Amino acid sequence: MSFSTDSTHIFEQAIADYHKTDNVDATLVNPFSPDSINGILYVKNWIDTVQWHLEDIVRQPDINPIEGLAIKRRIDKSNQDRTDLVEAIDSYFLHQYKNVTPQANATINTESPAWAIDRLSILALKIYHMRIESKREDADETHKALCQQKLEILLEQQKDLSSAIDQLLADIASGRKFMKVYKQMKMYNDPSLNPMLYGNNKK
């Protein structure tokens, strides 16, 4: 199987495992070796899945403001964890292709392989939840038909993105493309770069 197909299967497994309890505080039990690429992909999607549901919870109109703020800060941390895992996936690819000599006319892609795989993880979540909406018993037929149309588009998008990821990896492996990894350098979590944090430290 291709890397994108393997990844999608792992994402679907993580989503199914999460929904056994459907609890944002459920304990993560990684069925793969934590240091393996499969283990990293599983944790990546688990975090995406938990964050998906946190985003739903925090949008409740009557949520307690204190609880809402705590969830928003949890989402903030989750975003940082997601970024760290994307960079770990790219580090895996850098190691995989470290001995490849790029061709003289090799080009760079607009995004690294791992950021494309990040989108594939989110797509798996969209497909899972849109499929539920397309079959929801308490929804009317118009809602279900519209969701079915959206599901078909998402499935086509998944197919196209998977193909593009596998082509990119093949191009890197052959030297037709080369990859660079730029750290995201998020500033809002860094107390030395966020003026709301380092400003408060001076008070």
N, C-alpha and C. Protein backbone atom coordinates (compact mmCIF):
# COMPACT_ATOMS: atom_id res chain seq x y z
N MET A 1 0.84 -1.20 0.00
CA MET A 1 0.00 0.00 0.00
C MET A 1 0.87 1.25 0.00
N SER A 2 0.31 2.34 -0.46
CA SER A 2 1.03 3.61 -0.50
C SER A 2 1.07 4.23 0.89
N PHE A 3 1.94 5.23 1.06
CA PHE A 3 2.05 5.90 2.36
C PHE A 3 0.73 6.58 2.71
N SER A 4 0.08 7.21 1.73
CA SER A 4 -1.17 7.90 2.02
C SER A 4 -2.27 6.92 2.43
N THR A 5 -2.31 5.75 1.80
CA THR A 5 -3.31 4.74 2.15
C THR A 5 -3.06 4.22 3.57
N ASP A 6 -1.80 3.92 3.88
CA ASP A 6 -1.45 3.48 5.23
C ASP A 6 -1.85 4.54 6.26
N SER A 7 -1.54 5.79 5.95
CA SER A 7 -1.84 6.88 6.87
C SER A 7 -3.34 6.99 7.11
N THR A 8 -4.11 6.92 6.04
CA THR A 8 -5.57 7.03 6.17
C THR A 8 -6.12 5.90 7.02
N HIS A 9 -5.62 4.69 6.86
CA HIS A 9 -6.08 3.57 7.68
C HIS A 9 -5.77 3.81 9.16
N ILE A 10 -4.60 4.36 9.44
CA ILE A 10 -4.23 4.66 10.82
C ILE A 10 -5.12 5.76 11.38
N PHE A 11 -5.39 6.78 10.57
CA PHE A 11 -6.27 7.86 11.01
C PHE A 11 -7.67 7.32 11.32
N GLU A 12 -8.17 6.48 10.44
CA GLU A 12 -9.50 5.90 10.66
C GLU A 12 -9.53 5.04 11.92
N GLN A 13 -8.44 4.34 12.20
CA GLN A 13 -8.36 3.53 13.41
C GLN A 13 -8.39 4.42 14.65
N ALA A 14 -7.62 5.52 14.62
CA ALA A 14 -7.59 6.44 15.76
C ALA A 14 -8.96 7.07 15.99
N ILE A 15 -9.64 7.44 14.91
CA ILE A 15 -10.98 8.03 15.03
C ILE A 15 -11.96 7.02 15.63
N ALA A 16 -11.90 5.79 15.14
CA ALA A 16 -12.80 4.75 15.66
C ALA A 16 -12.49 4.47 17.12
N ASP A 17 -11.22 4.42 17.48
CA ASP A 17 -10.84 4.16 18.87
C ASP A 17 -11.32 5.28 19.78
N TYR A 18 -11.18 6.53 19.33
CA TYR A 18 -11.66 7.66 20.15
C TYR A 18 -13.16 7.55 20.39
N HIS A 19 -13.91 7.22 19.35
CA HIS A 19 -15.36 7.21 19.46
C HIS A 19 -15.92 6.01 20.22
N LYS A 20 -15.04 5.12 20.68
CA LYS A 20 -15.50 4.06 21.57
C LYS A 20 -15.99 4.66 22.89
N THR A 21 -15.39 5.78 23.28
CA THR A 21 -15.82 6.48 24.49
C THR A 21 -16.38 7.86 24.17
N ASP A 22 -15.93 8.44 23.06
CA ASP A 22 -16.35 9.80 22.65
C ASP A 22 -16.18 10.78 23.81
N ASN A 23 -15.00 10.75 24.41
CA ASN A 23 -14.72 11.54 25.59
C ASN A 23 -13.38 12.25 25.39
N VAL A 24 -13.39 13.58 25.46
CA VAL A 24 -12.16 14.34 25.22
C VAL A 24 -11.10 14.09 26.28
N ASP A 25 -11.50 13.49 27.40
CA ASP A 25 -10.54 13.18 28.46
C ASP A 25 -10.14 11.71 28.48
N ALA A 26 -10.53 10.97 27.45
CA ALA A 26 -10.19 9.56 27.38
C ALA A 26 -8.68 9.38 27.29
N THR A 27 -8.18 8.30 27.85
CA THR A 27 -6.75 8.01 27.83
C THR A 27 -6.32 7.51 26.45
N LEU A 28 -5.28 8.10 25.93
CA LEU A 28 -4.73 7.65 24.64
C LEU A 28 -3.94 6.36 24.86
N VAL A 29 -4.32 5.31 24.14
CA VAL A 29 -3.59 4.05 24.16
C VAL A 29 -3.11 3.79 22.73
N ASN A 30 -1.82 4.02 22.51
CA ASN A 30 -1.26 3.90 21.17
C ASN A 30 -1.01 2.43 20.84
N PRO A 31 -1.66 1.89 19.79
CA PRO A 31 -1.45 0.47 19.45
C PRO A 31 -0.14 0.22 18.72
N PHE A 32 0.57 1.29 18.39
CA PHE A 32 1.84 1.18 17.68
C PHE A 32 2.99 1.62 18.58
N SER A 33 4.19 1.28 18.18
CA SER A 33 5.36 1.75 18.90
C SER A 33 5.38 3.28 18.86
N PRO A 34 5.51 3.96 20.00
CA PRO A 34 5.43 5.42 20.02
C PRO A 34 6.46 6.12 19.13
N ASP A 35 7.62 5.50 18.94
CA ASP A 35 8.67 6.13 18.14
C ASP A 35 8.58 5.80 16.66
N SER A 36 7.67 4.91 16.28
CA SER A 36 7.53 4.54 14.88
C SER A 36 6.70 5.59 14.15
N ILE A 37 6.80 5.61 12.82
CA ILE A 37 6.00 6.57 12.06
C ILE A 37 4.52 6.28 12.23
N ASN A 38 4.15 5.00 12.33
CA ASN A 38 2.74 4.67 12.56
C ASN A 38 2.25 5.19 13.91
N GLY A 39 3.10 5.06 14.91
CA GLY A 39 2.76 5.56 16.23
C GLY A 39 2.59 7.07 16.24
N ILE A 40 3.45 7.77 15.52
CA ILE A 40 3.36 9.23 15.43
C ILE A 40 2.10 9.64 14.70
N LEU A 41 1.78 8.95 13.60
CA LEU A 41 0.56 9.25 12.84
C LEU A 41 -0.69 9.01 13.69
N TYR A 42 -0.67 7.95 14.48
CA TYR A 42 -1.83 7.64 15.33
C TYR A 42 -2.05 8.74 16.36
N VAL A 43 -0.98 9.15 17.03
CA VAL A 43 -1.10 10.21 18.04
C VAL A 43 -1.52 11.52 17.38
N LYS A 44 -0.97 11.79 16.21
CA LYS A 44 -1.34 13.02 15.49
C LYS A 44 -2.84 13.08 15.27
N ASN A 45 -3.42 11.99 14.77
CA ASN A 45 -4.85 12.02 14.51
C ASN A 45 -5.68 12.00 15.79
N TRP A 46 -5.19 11.31 16.81
CA TRP A 46 -5.91 11.32 18.10
C TRP A 46 -6.03 12.75 18.62
N ILE A 47 -4.94 13.50 18.55
CA ILE A 47 -4.96 14.90 18.98
C ILE A 47 -5.92 15.70 18.13
N ASP A 48 -5.90 15.48 16.81
CA ASP A 48 -6.83 16.17 15.91
C ASP A 48 -8.28 15.86 16.29
N THR A 49 -8.53 14.59 16.62
CA THR A 49 -9.89 14.16 16.95
C THR A 49 -10.38 14.78 18.25
N VAL A 50 -9.52 14.77 19.25
CA VAL A 50 -9.89 15.41 20.52
C VAL A 50 -10.15 16.90 20.30
N GLN A 51 -9.28 17.54 19.53
CA GLN A 51 -9.45 18.98 19.29
C GLN A 51 -10.73 19.26 18.51
N TRP A 52 -11.07 18.39 17.58
CA TRP A 52 -12.32 18.53 16.83
C TRP A 52 -13.50 18.65 17.80
N HIS A 53 -13.51 17.78 18.81
CA HIS A 53 -14.62 17.77 19.75
C HIS A 53 -14.53 18.92 20.76
N LEU A 54 -13.32 19.32 21.10
CA LEU A 54 -13.18 20.50 21.95
C LEU A 54 -13.72 21.74 21.25
N GLU A 55 -13.48 21.84 19.94
CA GLU A 55 -13.99 22.97 19.16
C GLU A 55 -15.52 22.97 19.15
N ASP A 56 -16.13 21.78 19.14
CA ASP A 56 -17.59 21.69 19.23
C ASP A 56 -18.07 22.16 20.60
N ILE A 57 -17.41 21.66 21.64
CA ILE A 57 -17.84 21.96 23.01
C ILE A 57 -17.76 23.46 23.29
N VAL A 58 -16.67 24.08 22.88
CA VAL A 58 -16.46 25.49 23.23
C VAL A 58 -17.44 26.41 22.51
N ARG A 59 -18.13 25.91 21.49
CA ARG A 59 -19.09 26.72 20.75
C ARG A 59 -20.51 26.60 21.30
N GLN A 60 -20.69 25.90 22.40
CA GLN A 60 -22.01 25.86 23.02
C GLN A 60 -22.42 27.27 23.45
N PRO A 61 -23.59 27.73 23.05
CA PRO A 61 -23.99 29.12 23.36
C PRO A 61 -24.03 29.43 24.85
N ASP A 62 -24.35 28.44 25.66
CA ASP A 62 -24.52 28.69 27.09
C ASP A 62 -23.33 28.20 27.92
N ILE A 63 -22.18 28.03 27.30
CA ILE A 63 -21.03 27.52 28.03
C ILE A 63 -20.59 28.53 29.08
N ASN A 64 -20.18 28.02 30.23
CA ASN A 64 -19.65 28.88 31.29
C ASN A 64 -18.37 29.55 30.79
N PRO A 65 -18.26 30.88 30.92
CA PRO A 65 -17.09 31.59 30.39
C PRO A 65 -15.76 31.06 30.93
N ILE A 66 -15.72 30.69 32.18
CA ILE A 66 -14.48 30.17 32.77
C ILE A 66 -14.12 28.83 32.13
N GLU A 67 -15.14 27.98 31.97
CA GLU A 67 -14.91 26.69 31.32
C GLU A 67 -14.49 26.90 29.87
N GLY A 68 -15.15 27.86 29.21
CA GLY A 68 -14.81 28.15 27.82
C GLY A 68 -13.37 28.60 27.66
N LEU A 69 -12.91 29.46 28.56
CA LEU A 69 -11.52 29.93 28.50
C LEU A 69 -10.55 28.78 28.72
N ALA A 70 -10.88 27.90 29.66
CA ALA A 70 -10.01 26.75 29.92
C ALA A 70 -9.91 25.86 28.68
N ILE A 71 -11.03 25.68 27.98
CA ILE A 71 -11.01 24.86 26.77
C ILE A 71 -10.22 25.54 25.66
N LYS A 72 -10.38 26.85 25.51
CA LYS A 72 -9.63 27.58 24.48
C LYS A 72 -8.13 27.46 24.73
N ARG A 73 -7.73 27.49 25.98
CA ARG A 73 -6.30 27.34 26.29
C ARG A 73 -5.85 25.89 26.05
N ARG A 74 -6.74 24.96 26.27
CA ARG A 74 -6.43 23.56 25.95
C ARG A 74 -6.27 23.39 24.44
N ILE A 75 -7.13 24.05 23.67
CA ILE A 75 -7.02 24.00 22.21
C ILE A 75 -5.71 24.63 21.76
N ASP A 76 -5.33 25.72 22.41
CA ASP A 76 -4.07 26.39 22.10
C ASP A 76 -2.89 25.44 22.28
N LYS A 77 -2.88 24.71 23.39
CA LYS A 77 -1.82 23.74 23.62
C LYS A 77 -1.88 22.61 22.60
N SER A 78 -3.10 22.19 22.27
CA SER A 78 -3.28 21.13 21.29
C SER A 78 -2.69 21.53 19.94
N ASN A 79 -2.90 22.78 19.55
CA ASN A 79 -2.34 23.26 18.28
C ASN A 79 -0.81 23.17 18.28
N GLN A 80 -0.21 23.48 19.41
CA GLN A 80 1.24 23.38 19.50
C GLN A 80 1.68 21.91 19.41
N ASP A 81 0.94 21.03 20.08
CA ASP A 81 1.27 19.60 20.02
C ASP A 81 1.14 19.08 18.59
N ARG A 82 0.11 19.52 17.88
CA ARG A 82 -0.09 19.11 16.49
C ARG A 82 1.09 19.57 15.63
N THR A 83 1.51 20.79 15.82
CA THR A 83 2.63 21.32 15.05
C THR A 83 3.90 20.53 15.32
N ASP A 84 4.13 20.20 16.59
CA ASP A 84 5.31 19.42 16.95
C ASP A 84 5.31 18.05 16.26
N LEU A 85 4.13 17.43 16.16
CA LEU A 85 4.03 16.12 15.53
C LEU A 85 4.20 16.20 14.02
N VAL A 86 3.70 17.28 13.41
CA VAL A 86 3.92 17.47 11.98
C VAL A 86 5.42 17.58 11.71
N GLU A 87 6.12 18.31 12.54
CA GLU A 87 7.56 18.44 12.37
C GLU A 87 8.28 17.11 12.59
N ALA A 88 7.74 16.29 13.48
CA ALA A 88 8.32 14.95 13.69
C ALA A 88 8.12 14.08 12.45
N ILE A 89 6.97 14.21 11.81
CA ILE A 89 6.72 13.45 10.58
C ILE A 89 7.67 13.91 9.47
N ASP A 90 7.89 15.21 9.36
CA ASP A 90 8.83 15.69 8.36
C ASP A 90 10.25 15.25 8.66
N SER A 91 10.59 15.16 9.93
CA SER A 91 11.92 14.66 10.30
C SER A 91 12.09 13.22 9.84
N TYR A 92 11.00 12.46 9.92
CA TYR A 92 11.03 11.07 9.42
C TYR A 92 11.35 11.06 7.93
N PHE A 93 10.69 11.92 7.17
CA PHE A 93 10.94 11.96 5.72
C PHE A 93 12.35 12.46 5.40
N LEU A 94 12.82 13.43 6.14
CA LEU A 94 14.19 13.92 5.93
C LEU A 94 15.19 12.78 6.10
N HIS A 95 14.94 11.95 7.11
CA HIS A 95 15.83 10.81 7.34
C HIS A 95 15.68 9.78 6.22
N GLN A 96 14.45 9.55 5.78
CA GLN A 96 14.19 8.56 4.73
C GLN A 96 14.91 8.91 3.43
N TYR A 97 14.98 10.20 3.13
CA TYR A 97 15.51 10.62 1.83
C TYR A 97 16.86 11.35 1.95
N LYS A 98 17.54 11.13 3.06
CA LYS A 98 18.78 11.86 3.31
C LYS A 98 19.88 11.53 2.30
N ASN A 99 19.82 10.36 1.69
CA ASN A 99 20.86 9.96 0.74
C ASN A 99 20.50 10.24 -0.72
N VAL A 100 19.35 10.88 -0.92
CA VAL A 100 18.92 11.21 -2.28
C VAL A 100 19.60 12.50 -2.72
N THR A 101 20.21 12.46 -3.88
CA THR A 101 20.81 13.67 -4.46
C THR A 101 19.82 14.32 -5.40
N PRO A 102 19.37 15.52 -5.12
CA PRO A 102 18.39 16.16 -6.00
C PRO A 102 18.96 16.37 -7.40
N GLN A 103 18.11 16.24 -8.40
CA GLN A 103 18.52 16.51 -9.76
C GLN A 103 18.82 18.00 -9.93
N ALA A 104 19.56 18.33 -10.97
CA ALA A 104 19.97 19.72 -11.19
C ALA A 104 18.77 20.66 -11.32
N ASN A 105 17.69 20.15 -11.89
CA ASN A 105 16.49 20.98 -12.09
C ASN A 105 15.41 20.68 -11.06
N ALA A 106 15.78 20.08 -9.94
CA ALA A 106 14.79 19.74 -8.89
C ALA A 106 14.14 21.00 -8.34
N THR A 107 12.88 20.87 -7.99
CA THR A 107 12.14 22.01 -7.45
C THR A 107 11.62 21.67 -6.05
N ILE A 108 11.22 22.70 -5.35
CA ILE A 108 10.68 22.50 -4.00
C ILE A 108 9.16 22.64 -4.04
N ASN A 109 8.48 21.91 -3.19
CA ASN A 109 7.02 21.96 -3.14
C ASN A 109 6.55 23.13 -2.29
N THR A 110 5.28 23.53 -2.47
CA THR A 110 4.77 24.66 -1.68
C THR A 110 4.61 24.31 -0.21
N GLU A 111 4.47 23.01 0.09
CA GLU A 111 4.39 22.59 1.48
C GLU A 111 5.15 21.28 1.64
N SER A 112 5.57 21.02 2.84
CA SER A 112 6.30 19.77 3.10
C SER A 112 5.33 18.59 3.09
N PRO A 113 5.83 17.36 2.94
CA PRO A 113 4.94 16.20 2.96
C PRO A 113 4.08 16.12 4.22
N ALA A 114 4.66 16.44 5.37
CA ALA A 114 3.91 16.28 6.62
C ALA A 114 2.74 17.24 6.73
N TRP A 115 2.86 18.44 6.17
CA TRP A 115 1.73 19.37 6.24
C TRP A 115 0.60 18.92 5.33
N ALA A 116 0.95 18.24 4.23
CA ALA A 116 -0.09 17.64 3.39
C ALA A 116 -0.76 16.49 4.13
N ILE A 117 0.01 15.71 4.86
CA ILE A 117 -0.53 14.60 5.65
C ILE A 117 -1.40 15.13 6.79
N ASP A 118 -1.04 16.28 7.33
CA ASP A 118 -1.88 16.94 8.34
C ASP A 118 -3.27 17.20 7.77
N ARG A 119 -3.34 17.66 6.53
CA ARG A 119 -4.64 17.90 5.89
C ARG A 119 -5.38 16.59 5.66
N LEU A 120 -4.62 15.53 5.36
CA LEU A 120 -5.25 14.22 5.16
C LEU A 120 -5.89 13.72 6.46
N SER A 121 -5.25 14.00 7.58
CA SER A 121 -5.79 13.62 8.89
C SER A 121 -7.10 14.35 9.17
N ILE A 122 -7.14 15.65 8.88
CA ILE A 122 -8.35 16.43 9.10
C ILE A 122 -9.46 15.97 8.15
N LEU A 123 -9.08 15.63 6.93
CA LEU A 123 -10.07 15.12 5.97
C LEU A 123 -10.73 13.84 6.47
N ALA A 124 -9.95 12.97 7.08
CA ALA A 124 -10.51 11.73 7.62
C ALA A 124 -11.57 12.04 8.67
N LEU A 125 -11.32 13.07 9.47
CA LEU A 125 -12.30 13.48 10.47
C LEU A 125 -13.55 14.07 9.83
N LYS A 126 -13.36 14.90 8.83
CA LYS A 126 -14.51 15.49 8.14
C LYS A 126 -15.38 14.41 7.51
N ILE A 127 -14.73 13.43 6.89
CA ILE A 127 -15.47 12.34 6.25
C ILE A 127 -16.25 11.53 7.29
N TYR A 128 -15.61 11.23 8.40
CA TYR A 128 -16.28 10.45 9.47
C TYR A 128 -17.53 11.17 9.94
N HIS A 129 -17.42 12.45 10.23
CA HIS A 129 -18.55 13.18 10.79
C HIS A 129 -19.59 13.54 9.74
N MET A 130 -19.16 13.79 8.51
CA MET A 130 -20.15 14.08 7.46
C MET A 130 -20.95 12.83 7.12
N ARG A 131 -20.32 11.66 7.19
CA ARG A 131 -21.05 10.42 6.95
C ARG A 131 -22.13 10.23 8.01
N ILE A 132 -21.82 10.55 9.26
CA ILE A 132 -22.82 10.48 10.33
C ILE A 132 -23.98 11.43 10.04
N GLU A 133 -23.65 12.65 9.64
CA GLU A 133 -24.70 13.63 9.35
C GLU A 133 -25.58 13.20 8.19
N SER A 134 -25.00 12.50 7.22
CA SER A 134 -25.77 12.08 6.04
C SER A 134 -26.76 10.97 6.37
N LYS A 135 -26.61 10.36 7.56
CA LYS A 135 -27.49 9.26 7.96
C LYS A 135 -28.23 9.55 9.26
N ARG A 136 -28.18 10.79 9.71
CA ARG A 136 -28.75 11.13 11.01
C ARG A 136 -30.27 10.94 11.03
N GLU A 137 -30.74 10.12 11.94
CA GLU A 137 -32.16 9.75 11.95
C GLU A 137 -33.08 10.91 12.32
N ASP A 138 -32.58 11.87 13.12
CA ASP A 138 -33.45 12.96 13.54
C ASP A 138 -33.38 14.16 12.59
N ALA A 139 -32.66 14.01 11.46
CA ALA A 139 -32.55 15.10 10.48
C ALA A 139 -33.51 14.85 9.32
N ASP A 140 -33.93 15.92 8.65
CA ASP A 140 -34.84 15.75 7.52
C ASP A 140 -34.06 15.32 6.27
N GLU A 141 -34.80 14.95 5.23
CA GLU A 141 -34.19 14.41 4.02
C GLU A 141 -33.33 15.45 3.30
N THR A 142 -33.72 16.70 3.39
CA THR A 142 -32.94 17.76 2.74
C THR A 142 -31.55 17.86 3.36
N HIS A 143 -31.52 17.82 4.68
CA HIS A 143 -30.24 17.87 5.39
C HIS A 143 -29.37 16.68 5.02
N LYS A 144 -29.96 15.49 5.01
CA LYS A 144 -29.19 14.28 4.72
C LYS A 144 -28.69 14.27 3.28
N ALA A 145 -29.51 14.74 2.36
CA ALA A 145 -29.09 14.78 0.95
C ALA A 145 -27.94 15.78 0.75
N LEU A 146 -28.02 16.92 1.41
CA LEU A 146 -26.97 17.92 1.30
C LEU A 146 -25.67 17.38 1.88
N CYS A 147 -25.76 16.70 3.01
CA CYS A 147 -24.56 16.14 3.64
C CYS A 147 -23.97 15.01 2.79
N GLN A 148 -24.83 14.26 2.12
CA GLN A 148 -24.33 13.21 1.23
C GLN A 148 -23.54 13.82 0.08
N GLN A 149 -24.03 14.93 -0.46
CA GLN A 149 -23.31 15.63 -1.53
C GLN A 149 -21.95 16.11 -1.03
N LYS A 150 -21.92 16.67 0.17
CA LYS A 150 -20.66 17.14 0.76
C LYS A 150 -19.71 15.98 1.01
N LEU A 151 -20.28 14.85 1.45
CA LEU A 151 -19.46 13.67 1.70
C LEU A 151 -18.78 13.20 0.43
N GLU A 152 -19.50 13.20 -0.67
CA GLU A 152 -18.93 12.77 -1.95
C GLU A 152 -17.79 13.68 -2.37
N ILE A 153 -17.94 14.97 -2.13
CA ILE A 153 -16.87 15.92 -2.44
C ILE A 153 -15.65 15.66 -1.56
N LEU A 154 -15.89 15.42 -0.28
CA LEU A 154 -14.79 15.15 0.65
C LEU A 154 -14.04 13.87 0.26
N LEU A 155 -14.77 12.85 -0.17
CA LEU A 155 -14.14 11.61 -0.59
C LEU A 155 -13.29 11.82 -1.85
N GLU A 156 -13.79 12.65 -2.76
CA GLU A 156 -13.00 12.97 -3.95
C GLU A 156 -11.74 13.76 -3.56
N GLN A 157 -11.92 14.68 -2.64
CA GLN A 157 -10.78 15.46 -2.16
C GLN A 157 -9.74 14.56 -1.49
N GLN A 158 -10.20 13.58 -0.72
CA GLN A 158 -9.29 12.63 -0.08
C GLN A 158 -8.50 11.84 -1.12
N LYS A 159 -9.18 11.41 -2.16
CA LYS A 159 -8.53 10.66 -3.24
C LYS A 159 -7.47 11.52 -3.93
N ASP A 160 -7.82 12.76 -4.23
CA ASP A 160 -6.88 13.65 -4.93
C ASP A 160 -5.69 14.00 -4.05
N LEU A 161 -5.95 14.29 -2.78
CA LEU A 161 -4.86 14.65 -1.87
C LEU A 161 -3.93 13.46 -1.66
N SER A 162 -4.50 12.28 -1.53
CA SER A 162 -3.69 11.07 -1.35
C SER A 162 -2.77 10.86 -2.55
N SER A 163 -3.32 11.02 -3.74
CA SER A 163 -2.53 10.88 -4.96
C SER A 163 -1.41 11.91 -5.01
N ALA A 164 -1.72 13.15 -4.63
CA ALA A 164 -0.72 14.21 -4.65
C ALA A 164 0.40 13.94 -3.64
N ILE A 165 0.05 13.43 -2.46
CA ILE A 165 1.06 13.11 -1.44
C ILE A 165 1.98 12.01 -1.95
N ASP A 166 1.40 10.96 -2.50
CA ASP A 166 2.23 9.84 -2.98
C ASP A 166 3.12 10.28 -4.14
N GLN A 167 2.60 11.16 -5.00
CA GLN A 167 3.42 11.67 -6.11
C GLN A 167 4.56 12.52 -5.58
N LEU A 168 4.27 13.35 -4.57
CA LEU A 168 5.31 14.19 -3.98
C LEU A 168 6.42 13.32 -3.38
N LEU A 169 6.04 12.29 -2.65
CA LEU A 169 7.04 11.41 -2.04
C LEU A 169 7.86 10.70 -3.11
N ALA A 170 7.20 10.29 -4.18
CA ALA A 170 7.92 9.64 -5.28
C ALA A 170 8.89 10.62 -5.94
N ASP A 171 8.47 11.86 -6.08
CA ASP A 171 9.34 12.88 -6.68
C ASP A 171 10.56 13.17 -5.80
N ILE A 172 10.34 13.21 -4.49
CA ILE A 172 11.46 13.44 -3.57
C ILE A 172 12.42 12.25 -3.61
N ALA A 173 11.85 11.04 -3.63
CA ALA A 173 12.69 9.83 -3.65
C ALA A 173 13.53 9.74 -4.91
N SER A 174 13.02 10.28 -6.01
CA SER A 174 13.74 10.21 -7.30
C SER A 174 14.64 11.42 -7.53
N GLY A 175 14.53 12.42 -6.66
CA GLY A 175 15.35 13.62 -6.83
C GLY A 175 14.73 14.69 -7.70
N ARG A 176 13.49 14.46 -8.16
CA ARG A 176 12.82 15.47 -8.98
C ARG A 176 12.38 16.67 -8.14
N LYS A 177 12.14 16.42 -6.87
CA LYS A 177 11.84 17.49 -5.91
C LYS A 177 12.74 17.31 -4.69
N PHE A 178 12.93 18.39 -3.96
CA PHE A 178 13.66 18.29 -2.69
C PHE A 178 12.82 18.96 -1.62
N MET A 179 13.07 18.60 -0.39
CA MET A 179 12.29 19.17 0.70
C MET A 179 13.15 19.93 1.69
N LYS A 180 12.56 20.97 2.22
CA LYS A 180 13.14 21.71 3.33
C LYS A 180 12.07 21.77 4.41
N VAL A 181 12.52 21.83 5.65
CA VAL A 181 11.57 21.94 6.75
C VAL A 181 11.85 23.23 7.50
N TYR A 182 10.87 24.10 7.51
CA TYR A 182 10.97 25.34 8.28
C TYR A 182 10.13 25.18 9.54
N LYS A 183 10.74 25.33 10.68
CA LYS A 183 9.99 25.27 11.93
C LYS A 183 8.92 26.35 11.92
N GLN A 184 7.79 26.05 12.52
CA GLN A 184 6.67 27.01 12.48
C GLN A 184 6.96 28.27 13.29
N MET A 185 7.79 28.14 14.30
CA MET A 185 8.18 29.31 15.10
C MET A 185 6.96 30.09 15.58
N LYS A 186 5.99 29.36 16.12
CA LYS A 186 4.81 30.02 16.66
C LYS A 186 5.22 30.96 17.79
N MET A 187 4.68 32.16 17.76
CA MET A 187 5.12 33.19 18.69
C MET A 187 4.19 33.34 19.90
N TYR A 188 2.91 32.97 19.73
CA TYR A 188 1.97 33.27 20.81
C TYR A 188 2.19 32.43 22.06
N ASN A 189 2.85 31.25 21.91
CA ASN A 189 3.11 30.40 23.08
C ASN A 189 4.45 30.69 23.74
N ASP A 190 5.24 31.53 23.11
CA ASP A 190 6.60 31.80 23.60
C ASP A 190 6.60 33.05 24.47
N PRO A 191 6.86 32.90 25.76
CA PRO A 191 6.83 34.06 26.66
C PRO A 191 7.86 35.12 26.33
N SER A 192 8.85 34.79 25.51
CA SER A 192 9.85 35.79 25.12
C SER A 192 9.48 36.51 23.83
N LEU A 193 8.40 36.05 23.15
CA LEU A 193 8.02 36.65 21.86
C LEU A 193 6.61 37.26 21.85
N ASN A 194 5.76 36.81 22.76
CA ASN A 194 4.40 37.33 22.84
C ASN A 194 4.39 38.54 23.79
N PRO A 195 4.12 39.75 23.27
CA PRO A 195 4.17 40.94 24.13
C PRO A 195 3.17 40.91 25.29
N MET A 196 2.08 40.14 25.13
CA MET A 196 1.12 40.02 26.23
C MET A 196 1.70 39.20 27.37
N LEU A 197 2.72 38.38 27.06
CA LEU A 197 3.35 37.55 28.09
C LEU A 197 4.58 38.23 28.65
N TYR A 198 5.49 38.67 27.76
CA TYR A 198 6.69 39.28 28.32
C TYR A 198 6.41 40.67 28.87
N GLY A 199 5.33 41.31 28.40
CA GLY A 199 4.94 42.61 28.98
C GLY A 199 4.47 42.45 30.40
N ASN A 200 3.69 41.37 30.63
CA ASN A 200 3.19 41.11 31.98
C ASN A 200 4.29 40.73 32.94
N ASN A 201 5.33 40.07 32.38
CA ASN A 201 6.44 39.66 33.23
C ASN A 201 7.23 40.83 33.79
N LYS A 202 7.09 41.99 33.11
CA LYS A 202 7.84 43.17 33.57
C LYS A 202 7.07 43.96 34.63
N LYS A 203 5.79 43.61 34.80
CA LYS A 203 4.99 44.36 35.76
C LYS A 203 5.23 43.88 37.19
